[in-house]
Amino acid sequence: MHADKVLKTVRFTEKSNALSAEFGQYTFEVFPTATKAAIASAVEKTFKVTVKRVNVMNILGKTTRGRTGKPGKKSDYKKAIVTLKAGDKIELV
């Protein structure tokens, strides 16, 4: 599986920035069909680092209400938290 079929984007939030600074964990949004092994190999090939562990979670989209009161729903997505080997780092600009 190619890396562009696995990884969508890198998630930049306050929590994910703190995880990367303290524990060497990086958060990615991935395609729903991606497995832990596919995510690990895609990150290793793309960023030339060694992956120690991958945690995956499915995030359900929140329900919303439009200005006319009609209910809607934000899209669901899959999130992966990748832990790197000590000393490895991903340079994201």
PDB file of N, CA and C in Angstrom:
ATOM      1  N   MET A   1       0.845  -1.179   0.000  1.00  0.00           N
ATOM      2  CA  MET A   1       0.000   0.000   0.000  1.00  0.00           C
ATOM      3  C   MET A   1       0.892   1.245   0.000  1.00  0.00           C
ATOM      4  N   HIS A   2       0.589   2.198  -0.865  1.00  0.00           N
ATOM      5  CA  HIS A   2       1.382   3.411  -0.973  1.00  0.00           C
ATOM      6  C   HIS A   2       1.056   4.368   0.167  1.00  0.00           C
ATOM      7  N   ALA A   3       2.017   5.204   0.504  1.00  0.00           N
ATOM      8  CA  ALA A   3       1.847   6.138   1.621  1.00  0.00           C
ATOM      9  C   ALA A   3       0.736   7.146   1.343  1.00  0.00           C
ATOM     10  N   ASP A   4       0.532   7.517   0.079  1.00  0.00           N
ATOM     11  CA  ASP A   4      -0.517   8.487  -0.226  1.00  0.00           C
ATOM     12  C   ASP A   4      -1.909   7.872  -0.151  1.00  0.00           C
ATOM     13  N   LYS A   5      -2.002   6.555  -0.078  1.00  0.00           N
ATOM     14  CA  LYS A   5      -3.277   5.868   0.111  1.00  0.00           C
ATOM     15  C   LYS A   5      -3.549   5.584   1.587  1.00  0.00           C
ATOM     16  N   VAL A   6      -2.603   5.922   2.466  1.00  0.00           N
ATOM     17  CA  VAL A   6      -2.742   5.651   3.899  1.00  0.00           C
ATOM     18  C   VAL A   6      -2.857   6.955   4.677  1.00  0.00           C
ATOM     19  N   LEU A   7      -1.883   7.843   4.532  1.00  0.00           N
ATOM     20  CA  LEU A   7      -1.845   9.092   5.309  1.00  0.00           C
ATOM     21  C   LEU A   7      -2.590  10.203   4.583  1.00  0.00           C
ATOM     22  N   LYS A   8      -3.461  10.903   5.313  1.00  0.00           N
ATOM     23  CA  LYS A   8      -4.144  12.069   4.748  1.00  0.00           C
ATOM     24  C   LYS A   8      -3.412  13.343   5.143  1.00  0.00           C
ATOM     25  N   THR A   9      -3.419  13.660   6.438  1.00  0.00           N
ATOM     26  CA  THR A   9      -2.804  14.890   6.919  1.00  0.00           C
ATOM     27  C   THR A   9      -2.192  14.667   8.296  1.00  0.00           C
ATOM     28  N   VAL A  10      -1.385  15.625   8.693  1.00  0.00           N
ATOM     29  CA  VAL A  10      -0.858  15.657  10.059  1.00  0.00           C
ATOM     30  C   VAL A  10      -1.773  16.581  10.849  1.00  0.00           C
ATOM     31  N   ARG A  11      -2.185  16.152  12.046  1.00  0.00           N
ATOM     32  CA  ARG A  11      -3.092  16.945  12.881  1.00  0.00           C
ATOM     33  C   ARG A  11      -2.274  17.855  13.788  1.00  0.00           C
ATOM     34  N   PHE A  12      -2.483  19.173  13.655  1.00  0.00           N
ATOM     35  CA  PHE A  12      -1.800  20.149  14.498  1.00  0.00           C
ATOM     36  C   PHE A  12      -2.799  20.710  15.503  1.00  0.00           C
ATOM     37  N   THR A  13      -2.713  20.275  16.739  1.00  0.00           N
ATOM     38  CA  THR A  13      -3.524  20.820  17.819  1.00  0.00           C
ATOM     39  C   THR A  13      -2.596  21.054  19.005  1.00  0.00           C
ATOM     40  N   GLU A  14      -3.088  21.712  20.021  1.00  0.00           N
ATOM     41  CA  GLU A  14      -2.265  21.938  21.209  1.00  0.00           C
ATOM     42  C   GLU A  14      -1.873  20.614  21.853  1.00  0.00           C
ATOM     43  N   LYS A  15      -2.822  19.696  21.906  1.00  0.00           N
ATOM     44  CA  LYS A  15      -2.559  18.399  22.528  1.00  0.00           C
ATOM     45  C   LYS A  15      -1.546  17.590  21.711  1.00  0.00           C
ATOM     46  N   SER A  16      -1.685  17.577  20.388  1.00  0.00           N
ATOM     47  CA  SER A  16      -0.756  16.805  19.565  1.00  0.00           C
ATOM     48  C   SER A  16       0.642  17.428  19.574  1.00  0.00           C
ATOM     49  N   ASN A  17       0.732  18.744  19.645  1.00  0.00           N
ATOM     50  CA  ASN A  17       2.043  19.393  19.741  1.00  0.00           C
ATOM     51  C   ASN A  17       2.730  19.067  21.060  1.00  0.00           C
ATOM     52  N   ALA A  18       1.962  18.992  22.133  1.00  0.00           N
ATOM     53  CA  ALA A  18       2.526  18.627  23.432  1.00  0.00           C
ATOM     54  C   ALA A  18       2.999  17.177  23.426  1.00  0.00           C
ATOM     55  N   LEU A  19       2.235  16.287  22.790  1.00  0.00           N
ATOM     56  CA  LEU A  19       2.632  14.881  22.697  1.00  0.00           C
ATOM     57  C   LEU A  19       3.928  14.722  21.909  1.00  0.00           C
ATOM     58  N   SER A  20       4.068  15.462  20.828  1.00  0.00           N
ATOM     59  CA  SER A  20       5.274  15.336  20.012  1.00  0.00           C
ATOM     60  C   SER A  20       6.491  15.912  20.737  1.00  0.00           C
ATOM     61  N   ALA A  21       6.291  16.971  21.495  1.00  0.00           N
ATOM     62  CA  ALA A  21       7.413  17.575  22.212  1.00  0.00           C
ATOM     63  C   ALA A  21       7.875  16.717  23.380  1.00  0.00           C
ATOM     64  N   GLU A  22       6.943  16.133  24.127  1.00  0.00           N
ATOM     65  CA  GLU A  22       7.295  15.392  25.334  1.00  0.00           C
ATOM     66  C   GLU A  22       7.601  13.914  25.086  1.00  0.00           C
ATOM     67  N   PHE A  23       6.776  13.257  24.253  1.00  0.00           N
ATOM     68  CA  PHE A  23       6.855  11.804  24.142  1.00  0.00           C
ATOM     69  C   PHE A  23       7.256  11.286  22.767  1.00  0.00           C
ATOM     70  N   GLY A  24       7.441  12.159  21.792  1.00  0.00           N
ATOM     71  CA  GLY A  24       7.790  11.716  20.449  1.00  0.00           C
ATOM     72  C   GLY A  24       6.631  11.038  19.738  1.00  0.00           C
ATOM     73  N   GLN A  25       5.404  11.491  20.028  1.00  0.00           N
ATOM     74  CA  GLN A  25       4.214  10.943  19.395  1.00  0.00           C
ATOM     75  C   GLN A  25       3.650  11.970  18.421  1.00  0.00           C
ATOM     76  N   TYR A  26       3.287  11.506  17.226  1.00  0.00           N
ATOM     77  CA  TYR A  26       2.753  12.381  16.196  1.00  0.00           C
ATOM     78  C   TYR A  26       1.381  11.887  15.785  1.00  0.00           C
ATOM     79  N   THR A  27       0.465  12.817  15.513  1.00  0.00           N
ATOM     80  CA  THR A  27      -0.913  12.493  15.205  1.00  0.00           C
ATOM     81  C   THR A  27      -1.181  12.715  13.724  1.00  0.00           C
ATOM     82  N   PHE A  28      -1.756  11.702  13.074  1.00  0.00           N
ATOM     83  CA  PHE A  28      -2.079  11.753  11.657  1.00  0.00           C
ATOM     84  C   PHE A  28      -3.542  11.431  11.459  1.00  0.00           C
ATOM     85  N   GLU A  29      -4.146  12.047  10.446  1.00  0.00           N
ATOM     86  CA  GLU A  29      -5.460  11.620   9.998  1.00  0.00           C
ATOM     87  C   GLU A  29      -5.210  10.654   8.846  1.00  0.00           C
ATOM     88  N   VAL A  30      -5.825   9.470   8.913  1.00  0.00           N
ATOM     89  CA  VAL A  30      -5.564   8.418   7.929  1.00  0.00           C
ATOM     90  C   VAL A  30      -6.865   7.992   7.269  1.00  0.00           C
ATOM     91  N   PHE A  31      -6.753   7.258   6.169  1.00  0.00           N
ATOM     92  CA  PHE A  31      -7.927   6.746   5.483  1.00  0.00           C
ATOM     93  C   PHE A  31      -8.571   5.646   6.320  1.00  0.00           C
ATOM     94  N   PRO A  32      -9.895   5.469   6.230  1.00  0.00           N
ATOM     95  CA  PRO A  32     -10.593   4.493   7.065  1.00  0.00           C
ATOM     96  C   PRO A  32     -10.153   3.043   6.852  1.00  0.00           C
ATOM     97  N   THR A  33      -9.595   2.720   5.700  1.00  0.00           N
ATOM     98  CA  THR A  33      -9.183   1.346   5.422  1.00  0.00           C
ATOM     99  C   THR A  33      -7.761   1.042   5.882  1.00  0.00           C
ATOM    100  N   ALA A  34      -7.060   2.032   6.426  1.00  0.00           N
ATOM    101  CA  ALA A  34      -5.662   1.854   6.822  1.00  0.00           C
ATOM    102  C   ALA A  34      -5.547   0.991   8.072  1.00  0.00           C
ATOM    103  N   THR A  35      -4.559   0.098   8.074  1.00  0.00           N
ATOM    104  CA  THR A  35      -4.287  -0.742   9.238  1.00  0.00           C
ATOM    105  C   THR A  35      -3.068  -0.201   9.974  1.00  0.00           C
ATOM    106  N   LYS A  36      -2.818  -0.749  11.172  1.00  0.00           N
ATOM    107  CA  LYS A  36      -1.672  -0.288  11.959  1.00  0.00           C
ATOM    108  C   LYS A  36      -0.356  -0.557  11.223  1.00  0.00           C
ATOM    109  N   ALA A  37      -0.229  -1.724  10.619  1.00  0.00           N
ATOM    110  CA  ALA A  37       0.994  -2.069   9.899  1.00  0.00           C
ATOM    111  C   ALA A  37       1.202  -1.161   8.692  1.00  0.00           C
ATOM    112  N   ALA A  38       0.123  -0.862   7.972  1.00  0.00           N
ATOM    113  CA  ALA A  38       0.221   0.020   6.808  1.00  0.00           C
ATOM    114  C   ALA A  38       0.597   1.440   7.232  1.00  0.00           C
ATOM    115  N   ILE A  39       0.045   1.905   8.348  1.00  0.00           N
ATOM    116  CA  ILE A  39       0.358   3.244   8.850  1.00  0.00           C
ATOM    117  C   ILE A  39       1.822   3.317   9.260  1.00  0.00           C
ATOM    118  N   ALA A  40       2.304   2.293   9.963  1.00  0.00           N
ATOM    119  CA  ALA A  40       3.701   2.272  10.403  1.00  0.00           C
ATOM    120  C   ALA A  40       4.654   2.288   9.214  1.00  0.00           C
ATOM    121  N   SER A  41       4.392   1.479   8.203  1.00  0.00           N
ATOM    122  CA  SER A  41       5.297   1.444   7.050  1.00  0.00           C
ATOM    123  C   SER A  41       5.225   2.741   6.250  1.00  0.00           C
ATOM    124  N   ALA A  42       4.041   3.356   6.165  1.00  0.00           N
ATOM    125  CA  ALA A  42       3.915   4.617   5.433  1.00  0.00           C
ATOM    126  C   ALA A  42       4.685   5.738   6.118  1.00  0.00           C
ATOM    127  N   VAL A  43       4.610   5.801   7.444  1.00  0.00           N
ATOM    128  CA  VAL A  43       5.338   6.843   8.185  1.00  0.00           C
ATOM    129  C   VAL A  43       6.844   6.602   8.078  1.00  0.00           C
ATOM    130  N   GLU A  44       7.267   5.344   8.174  1.00  0.00           N
ATOM    131  CA  GLU A  44       8.695   5.037   8.066  1.00  0.00           C
ATOM    132  C   GLU A  44       9.244   5.393   6.698  1.00  0.00           C
ATOM    133  N   LYS A  45       8.508   5.096   5.629  1.00  0.00           N
ATOM    134  CA  LYS A  45       8.977   5.399   4.277  1.00  0.00           C
ATOM    135  C   LYS A  45       8.951   6.897   3.988  1.00  0.00           C
ATOM    136  N   THR A  46       7.906   7.577   4.463  1.00  0.00           N
ATOM    137  CA  THR A  46       7.751   8.997   4.150  1.00  0.00           C
ATOM    138  C   THR A  46       8.747   9.869   4.898  1.00  0.00           C
ATOM    139  N   PHE A  47       8.922   9.614   6.195  1.00  0.00           N
ATOM    140  CA  PHE A  47       9.731  10.506   7.028  1.00  0.00           C
ATOM    141  C   PHE A  47      11.086   9.931   7.421  1.00  0.00           C
ATOM    142  N   LYS A  48      11.416   8.706   6.987  1.00  0.00           N
ATOM    143  CA  LYS A  48      12.716   8.071   7.270  1.00  0.00           C
ATOM    144  C   LYS A  48      12.993   7.990   8.775  1.00  0.00           C
ATOM    145  N   VAL A  49      12.015   7.477   9.537  1.00  0.00           N
ATOM    146  CA  VAL A  49      12.136   7.297  10.980  1.00  0.00           C
ATOM    147  C   VAL A  49      11.762   5.861  11.324  1.00  0.00           C
ATOM    148  N   THR A  50      11.969   5.476  12.583  1.00  0.00           N
ATOM    149  CA  THR A  50      11.597   4.147  13.053  1.00  0.00           C
ATOM    150  C   THR A  50      10.372   4.265  13.953  1.00  0.00           C
ATOM    151  N   VAL A  51       9.321   3.542  13.605  1.00  0.00           N
ATOM    152  CA  VAL A  51       8.073   3.578  14.361  1.00  0.00           C
ATOM    153  C   VAL A  51       8.112   2.496  15.439  1.00  0.00           C
ATOM    154  N   LYS A  52       7.797   2.915  16.659  1.00  0.00           N
ATOM    155  CA  LYS A  52       7.788   1.994  17.785  1.00  0.00           C
ATOM    156  C   LYS A  52       6.394   1.418  18.025  1.00  0.00           C
ATOM    157  N   ARG A  53       5.356   2.258  17.932  1.00  0.00           N
ATOM    158  CA  ARG A  53       3.990   1.825  18.210  1.00  0.00           C
ATOM    159  C   ARG A  53       2.999   2.707  17.462  1.00  0.00           C
ATOM    160  N   VAL A  54       1.839   2.127  17.114  1.00  0.00           N
ATOM    161  CA  VAL A  54       0.772   2.870  16.445  1.00  0.00           C
ATOM    162  C   VAL A  54      -0.536   2.616  17.195  1.00  0.00           C
ATOM    163  N   ASN A  55      -1.199   3.685  17.605  1.00  0.00           N
ATOM    164  CA  ASN A  55      -2.533   3.605  18.197  1.00  0.00           C
ATOM    165  C   ASN A  55      -3.515   4.226  17.212  1.00  0.00           C
ATOM    166  N   VAL A  56      -4.646   3.554  16.996  1.00  0.00           N
ATOM    167  CA  VAL A  56      -5.622   3.989  16.003  1.00  0.00           C
ATOM    168  C   VAL A  56      -6.982   4.151  16.675  1.00  0.00           C
ATOM    169  N   MET A  57      -7.699   5.212  16.288  1.00  0.00           N
ATOM    170  CA  MET A  57      -9.052   5.398  16.809  1.00  0.00           C
ATOM    171  C   MET A  57      -9.950   5.983  15.732  1.00  0.00           C
ATOM    172  N   ASN A  58     -11.212   5.551  15.732  1.00  0.00           N
ATOM    173  CA  ASN A  58     -12.217   6.088  14.830  1.00  0.00           C
ATOM    174  C   ASN A  58     -12.967   7.194  15.556  1.00  0.00           C
ATOM    175  N   ILE A  59     -12.995   8.374  14.960  1.00  0.00           N
ATOM    176  CA  ILE A  59     -13.659   9.527  15.549  1.00  0.00           C
ATOM    177  C   ILE A  59     -14.981   9.735  14.819  1.00  0.00           C
ATOM    178  N   LEU A  60     -16.080   9.711  15.562  1.00  0.00           N
ATOM    179  CA  LEU A  60     -17.390   9.935  14.965  1.00  0.00           C
ATOM    180  C   LEU A  60     -17.649  11.432  14.858  1.00  0.00           C
ATOM    181  N   GLY A  61     -18.216  11.850  13.724  1.00  0.00           N
ATOM    182  CA  GLY A  61     -18.509  13.262  13.503  1.00  0.00           C
ATOM    183  C   GLY A  61     -19.621  13.752  14.403  1.00  0.00           C
ATOM    184  N   LYS A  62     -19.509  14.981  14.841  1.00  0.00           N
ATOM    185  CA  LYS A  62     -20.514  15.566  15.731  1.00  0.00           C
ATOM    186  C   LYS A  62     -21.761  15.955  14.938  1.00  0.00           C
ATOM    187  N   THR A  63     -22.899  15.912  15.602  1.00  0.00           N
ATOM    188  CA  THR A  63     -24.114  16.398  14.970  1.00  0.00           C
ATOM    189  C   THR A  63     -24.154  17.918  15.106  1.00  0.00           C
ATOM    190  N   THR A  64     -24.644  18.558  14.086  1.00  0.00           N
ATOM    191  CA  THR A  64     -24.694  20.019  14.059  1.00  0.00           C
ATOM    192  C   THR A  64     -26.107  20.467  13.741  1.00  0.00           C
ATOM    193  N   ARG A  65     -26.321  21.761  13.848  1.00  0.00           N
ATOM    194  CA  ARG A  65     -27.604  22.331  13.495  1.00  0.00           C
ATOM    195  C   ARG A  65     -27.331  23.580  12.677  1.00  0.00           C
ATOM    196  N   GLY A  66     -27.939  23.664  11.519  1.00  0.00           N
ATOM    197  CA  GLY A  66     -27.749  24.816  10.649  1.00  0.00           C
ATOM    198  C   GLY A  66     -28.526  26.016  11.130  1.00  0.00           C
ATOM    199  N   ARG A  67     -28.419  27.103  10.393  1.00  0.00           N
ATOM    200  CA  ARG A  67     -29.088  28.330  10.842  1.00  0.00           C
ATOM    201  C   ARG A  67     -30.605  28.240  10.710  1.00  0.00           C
ATOM    202  N   THR A  68     -31.095  27.308   9.884  1.00  0.00           N
ATOM    203  CA  THR A  68     -32.548  27.130   9.785  1.00  0.00           C
ATOM    204  C   THR A  68     -33.049  26.070  10.761  1.00  0.00           C
ATOM    205  N   GLY A  69     -32.161  25.460  11.511  1.00  0.00           N
ATOM    206  CA  GLY A  69     -32.550  24.476  12.503  1.00  0.00           C
ATOM    207  C   GLY A  69     -32.488  23.047  12.015  1.00  0.00           C
ATOM    208  N   LYS A  70     -32.109  22.848  10.755  1.00  0.00           N
ATOM    209  CA  LYS A  70     -32.042  21.489  10.216  1.00  0.00           C
ATOM    210  C   LYS A  70     -30.813  20.767  10.771  1.00  0.00           C
ATOM    211  N   PRO A  71     -30.982  19.518  11.177  1.00  0.00           N
ATOM    212  CA  PRO A  71     -29.834  18.779  11.712  1.00  0.00           C
ATOM    213  C   PRO A  71     -28.878  18.359  10.604  1.00  0.00           C
ATOM    214  N   GLY A  72     -27.616  18.323  10.943  1.00  0.00           N
ATOM    215  CA  GLY A  72     -26.578  17.888  10.016  1.00  0.00           C
ATOM    216  C   GLY A  72     -25.561  17.062  10.778  1.00  0.00           C
ATOM    217  N   LYS A  73     -24.506  16.664  10.094  1.00  0.00           N
ATOM    218  CA  LYS A  73     -23.487  15.846  10.746  1.00  0.00           C
ATOM    219  C   LYS A  73     -22.140  16.137  10.104  1.00  0.00           C
ATOM    220  N   LYS A  74     -21.126  16.310  10.936  1.00  0.00           N
ATOM    221  CA  LYS A  74     -19.772  16.461  10.422  1.00  0.00           C
ATOM    222  C   LYS A  74     -19.247  15.079  10.064  1.00  0.00           C
ATOM    223  N   SER A  75     -18.245  15.010   9.219  1.00  0.00           N
ATOM    224  CA  SER A  75     -17.779  13.722   8.718  1.00  0.00           C
ATOM    225  C   SER A  75     -16.977  12.961   9.776  1.00  0.00           C
ATOM    226  N   ASP A  76     -17.049  11.630   9.698  1.00  0.00           N
ATOM    227  CA  ASP A  76     -16.258  10.754  10.554  1.00  0.00           C
ATOM    228  C   ASP A  76     -14.845  10.670   9.988  1.00  0.00           C
ATOM    229  N   TYR A  77     -13.867  10.364  10.841  1.00  0.00           N
ATOM    230  CA  TYR A  77     -12.509  10.168  10.359  1.00  0.00           C
ATOM    231  C   TYR A  77     -11.767   9.215  11.271  1.00  0.00           C
ATOM    232  N   LYS A  78     -10.630   8.748  10.797  1.00  0.00           N
ATOM    233  CA  LYS A  78      -9.786   7.830  11.558  1.00  0.00           C
ATOM    234  C   LYS A  78      -8.496   8.546  11.905  1.00  0.00           C
ATOM    235  N   LYS A  79      -8.082   8.433  13.161  1.00  0.00           N
ATOM    236  CA  LYS A  79      -6.900   9.132  13.653  1.00  0.00           C
ATOM    237  C   LYS A  79      -5.884   8.112  14.142  1.00  0.00           C
ATOM    238  N   ALA A  80      -4.619   8.360  13.849  1.00  0.00           N
ATOM    239  CA  ALA A  80      -3.541   7.481  14.290  1.00  0.00           C
ATOM    240  C   ALA A  80      -2.521   8.286  15.075  1.00  0.00           C
ATOM    241  N   ILE A  81      -2.132   7.759  16.243  1.00  0.00           N
ATOM    242  CA  ILE A  81      -1.063   8.365  17.038  1.00  0.00           C
ATOM    243  C   ILE A  81       0.141   7.442  16.925  1.00  0.00           C
ATOM    244  N   VAL A  82       1.213   7.953  16.327  1.00  0.00           N
ATOM    245  CA  VAL A  82       2.407   7.158  16.033  1.00  0.00           C
ATOM    246  C   VAL A  82       3.506   7.534  17.013  1.00  0.00           C
ATOM    247  N   THR A  83       4.036   6.528  17.719  1.00  0.00           N
ATOM    248  CA  THR A  83       5.145   6.733  18.644  1.00  0.00           C
ATOM    249  C   THR A  83       6.430   6.339  17.947  1.00  0.00           C
ATOM    250  N   LEU A  84       7.416   7.241  17.976  1.00  0.00           N
ATOM    251  CA  LEU A  84       8.683   6.980  17.318  1.00  0.00           C
ATOM    252  C   LEU A  84       9.713   6.479  18.312  1.00  0.00           C
ATOM    253  N   LYS A  85      10.784   5.867  17.764  1.00  0.00           N
ATOM    254  CA  LYS A  85      11.897   5.416  18.586  1.00  0.00           C
ATOM    255  C   LYS A  85      12.560   6.632  19.232  1.00  0.00           C
ATOM    256  N   ALA A  86      13.086   6.458  20.429  1.00  0.00           N
ATOM    257  CA  ALA A  86      13.724   7.566  21.144  1.00  0.00           C
ATOM    258  C   ALA A  86      14.849   8.153  20.294  1.00  0.00           C
ATOM    259  N   GLY A  87      14.838   9.453  20.150  1.00  0.00           N
ATOM    260  CA  GLY A  87      15.846  10.144  19.357  1.00  0.00           C
ATOM    261  C   GLY A  87      15.395  10.487  17.963  1.00  0.00           C
ATOM    262  N   ASP A  88      14.377   9.795  17.435  1.00  0.00           N
ATOM    263  CA  ASP A  88      13.842  10.115  16.111  1.00  0.00           C
ATOM    264  C   ASP A  88      12.900  11.304  16.211  1.00  0.00           C
ATOM    265  N   LYS A  89      12.816  12.061  15.129  1.00  0.00           N
ATOM    266  CA  LYS A  89      12.013  13.274  15.114  1.00  0.00           C
ATOM    267  C   LYS A  89      11.515  13.507  13.707  1.00  0.00           C
ATOM    268  N   ILE A  90      10.299  14.019  13.586  1.00  0.00           N
ATOM    269  CA  ILE A  90       9.752  14.397  12.294  1.00  0.00           C
ATOM    270  C   ILE A  90       9.751  15.921  12.221  1.00  0.00           C
ATOM    271  N   GLU A  91      10.431  16.448  11.212  1.00  0.00           N
ATOM    272  CA  GLU A  91      10.505  17.892  11.028  1.00  0.00           C
ATOM    273  C   GLU A  91       9.321  18.345  10.170  1.00  0.00           C
ATOM    274  N   LEU A  92       8.353  18.990  10.798  1.00  0.00           N
ATOM    275  CA  LEU A  92       7.185  19.507  10.105  1.00  0.00           C
ATOM    276  C   LEU A  92       7.249  21.013  10.105  1.00  0.00           C
ATOM    277  N   VAL A  93       7.220  21.584   8.921  1.00  0.00           N
ATOM    278  CA  VAL A  93       7.327  23.037   8.808  1.00  0.00           C
ATOM    279  C   VAL A  93       5.990  23.659   8.579  1.00  0.00           C
TER     280      VAL A  93
END
